[in-house]
Protein backbone atom coordinates (compact mmCIF):
# COMPACT_ATOMS: atom_id res chain seq x y z
CA MET A 1 -13.95 16.16 33.03
CA THR A 2 -15.88 19.15 31.75
CA ALA A 3 -17.85 19.11 28.52
CA HIS A 4 -15.31 21.49 27.01
CA LEU A 5 -12.39 19.19 27.84
CA MET A 6 -14.31 16.16 26.58
CA ALA A 7 -15.03 17.91 23.28
CA GLN A 8 -11.42 19.00 22.98
CA ALA A 9 -10.24 15.43 23.57
CA ALA A 10 -12.71 14.01 21.05
CA TYR A 11 -12.13 16.52 18.27
CA GLY A 12 -8.48 17.36 18.92
CA ALA A 13 -7.18 14.25 17.18
CA ALA A 14 -9.45 14.81 14.19
CA LYS A 15 -8.34 18.43 13.91
CA GLN A 16 -4.68 17.45 14.12
CA ALA A 17 -5.18 14.74 11.46
CA ALA A 18 -6.82 17.29 9.18
CA LEU A 19 -3.72 19.47 9.41
CA LYS A 20 -1.37 16.71 8.23
CA THR A 21 0.01 16.93 4.74
CA PRO A 22 0.00 13.86 2.50
CA ARG A 23 3.76 13.65 3.08
CA ASN A 24 3.20 13.56 6.87
CA VAL A 25 0.66 10.79 6.43
CA GLU A 26 3.08 8.80 4.27
CA TYR A 27 5.82 9.27 6.86
CA ASP A 28 3.52 8.09 9.66
CA ILE A 29 2.51 4.96 7.75
CA PHE A 30 6.14 4.11 7.00
CA ALA A 31 7.04 4.73 10.64
CA GLN A 32 4.29 2.44 11.93
CA VAL A 33 5.09 -0.42 9.57
CA THR A 34 8.84 -0.06 10.15
CA ALA A 35 8.43 -0.10 13.93
CA ARG A 36 6.42 -3.31 13.65
CA LEU A 37 9.03 -4.91 11.38
CA ARG A 38 11.79 -3.97 13.82
CA ALA A 39 9.93 -5.24 16.86
CA ALA A 40 9.01 -8.56 15.26
CA GLU A 41 12.54 -9.07 13.94
CA ALA A 42 14.04 -8.32 17.35
CA ALA A 43 11.67 -10.70 19.14
CA GLY A 44 12.87 -13.66 17.08
CA LYS A 45 11.06 -16.90 16.27
CA PRO A 46 8.28 -16.56 18.85
CA ALA A 47 7.14 -13.40 17.05
CA PHE A 48 6.97 -15.01 13.60
CA PRO A 49 3.21 -14.37 13.26
CA ALA A 50 3.83 -10.68 14.03
CA LEU A 51 6.64 -10.65 11.47
CA VAL A 52 4.33 -12.17 8.85
CA ALA A 53 1.70 -9.50 9.56
CA ALA A 54 4.28 -6.68 9.44
CA LEU A 55 5.73 -8.03 6.18
CA HIS A 56 2.23 -8.21 4.70
CA ASP A 57 1.53 -4.59 5.63
CA ASN A 58 4.93 -3.51 4.33
CA ARG A 59 4.27 -5.25 1.03
CA GLN A 60 0.87 -3.57 0.77
CA LEU A 61 2.49 -0.21 1.44
CA TRP A 62 5.08 -0.76 -1.27
CA THR A 63 2.50 -2.11 -3.72
CA THR A 64 0.45 1.05 -3.22
CA LEU A 65 3.56 3.18 -3.66
CA ALA A 66 4.52 1.31 -6.85
CA ALA A 67 1.04 1.83 -8.29
CA ASP A 68 1.23 5.51 -7.42
CA VAL A 69 4.61 6.12 -9.06
CA ALA A 70 3.52 4.15 -12.14
CA GLU A 71 0.71 6.63 -12.79
CA SER A 72 1.43 8.96 -15.71
CA ASP A 73 0.21 12.00 -13.76
CA ASN A 74 2.59 11.39 -10.83
CA ARG A 75 4.60 14.59 -10.36
CA LEU A 76 7.78 13.05 -8.95
CA PRO A 77 10.82 13.16 -11.21
CA GLU A 78 10.95 10.17 -13.56
CA ALA A 79 14.28 8.92 -12.17
CA LEU A 80 12.93 8.92 -8.60
CA ARG A 81 9.77 7.17 -9.72
CA ALA A 82 11.86 4.45 -11.36
CA LYS A 83 13.96 3.99 -8.22
CA LEU A 84 10.89 3.74 -6.00
CA PHE A 85 9.32 1.22 -8.37
CA TYR A 86 12.52 -0.85 -8.28
CA LEU A 87 12.53 -0.71 -4.46
CA ALA A 88 8.92 -1.91 -4.44
CA ARG A 89 9.90 -4.93 -6.54
CA PHE A 90 12.93 -5.56 -4.34
CA THR A 91 10.74 -5.37 -1.23
CA GLN A 92 8.37 -7.97 -2.66
CA ASP A 93 11.22 -10.34 -3.54
CA HIS A 94 13.09 -9.86 -0.27
CA SER A 95 9.93 -10.37 1.76
CA ARG A 96 9.57 -13.82 0.20
CA LYS A 97 13.10 -14.65 1.36
CA VAL A 98 12.33 -13.45 4.88
CA LEU A 99 9.18 -15.56 5.01
CA ALA A 100 11.14 -18.59 3.81
CA GLY A 101 13.71 -18.05 6.57
CA GLN A 102 16.47 -17.33 4.04
CA ASP A 103 17.13 -13.73 5.12
CA SER A 104 16.25 -11.10 7.71
CA ALA A 105 13.94 -8.10 7.54
CA GLY A 106 16.83 -5.75 8.36
CA VAL A 107 17.29 -4.49 4.81
CA LEU A 108 13.56 -3.77 4.55
CA VAL A 109 13.81 -1.67 7.71
CA GLU A 110 16.82 0.17 6.23
CA ILE A 111 14.95 0.91 3.00
CA ASN A 112 11.91 2.20 4.87
CA MET A 113 14.13 4.36 7.08
CA ALA A 114 15.79 5.86 4.00
CA VAL A 115 12.36 6.70 2.55
CA MET A 116 11.34 8.23 5.87
CA ARG A 117 14.47 10.40 5.89
CA GLY A 118 13.59 11.54 2.37
CA LEU A 119 10.02 12.34 3.36
CA ALA A 120 11.23 14.26 6.42
CA THR A 121 13.74 16.23 4.36
CA GLN A 122 11.16 17.03 1.70
CA GLY A 123 8.72 18.14 4.39
CA GLN A 124 11.26 20.55 5.85
CA ALA A 125 11.99 22.02 2.44
CA ALA A 126 8.32 22.64 1.70
């Protein structure tokens, strides 16, 4: 591999990351966490530790999102902010049920997918 190709490989990812919008970054994070939730759910009981880790990361994501929409300087419409905050609370409560074996993570995946569709649609409009 030539020095030029090595430099391109090393700095290409950084350059591409620098070109991402905050919305793209949010989408990517949701996509990663959702894929992990899906995979752990599909693998069943043997993957319970992976499910716990994915649920933890999903809860952190939603906690961060709730804190963001609760900020007074958040520019999203107030109604959307309220809905996202409600979904964050629902995600916390439902995650407890999943961990207790009382429900599945399917609805959490559906919620994340809906947010991802919204982020993708917003990104196309921008």
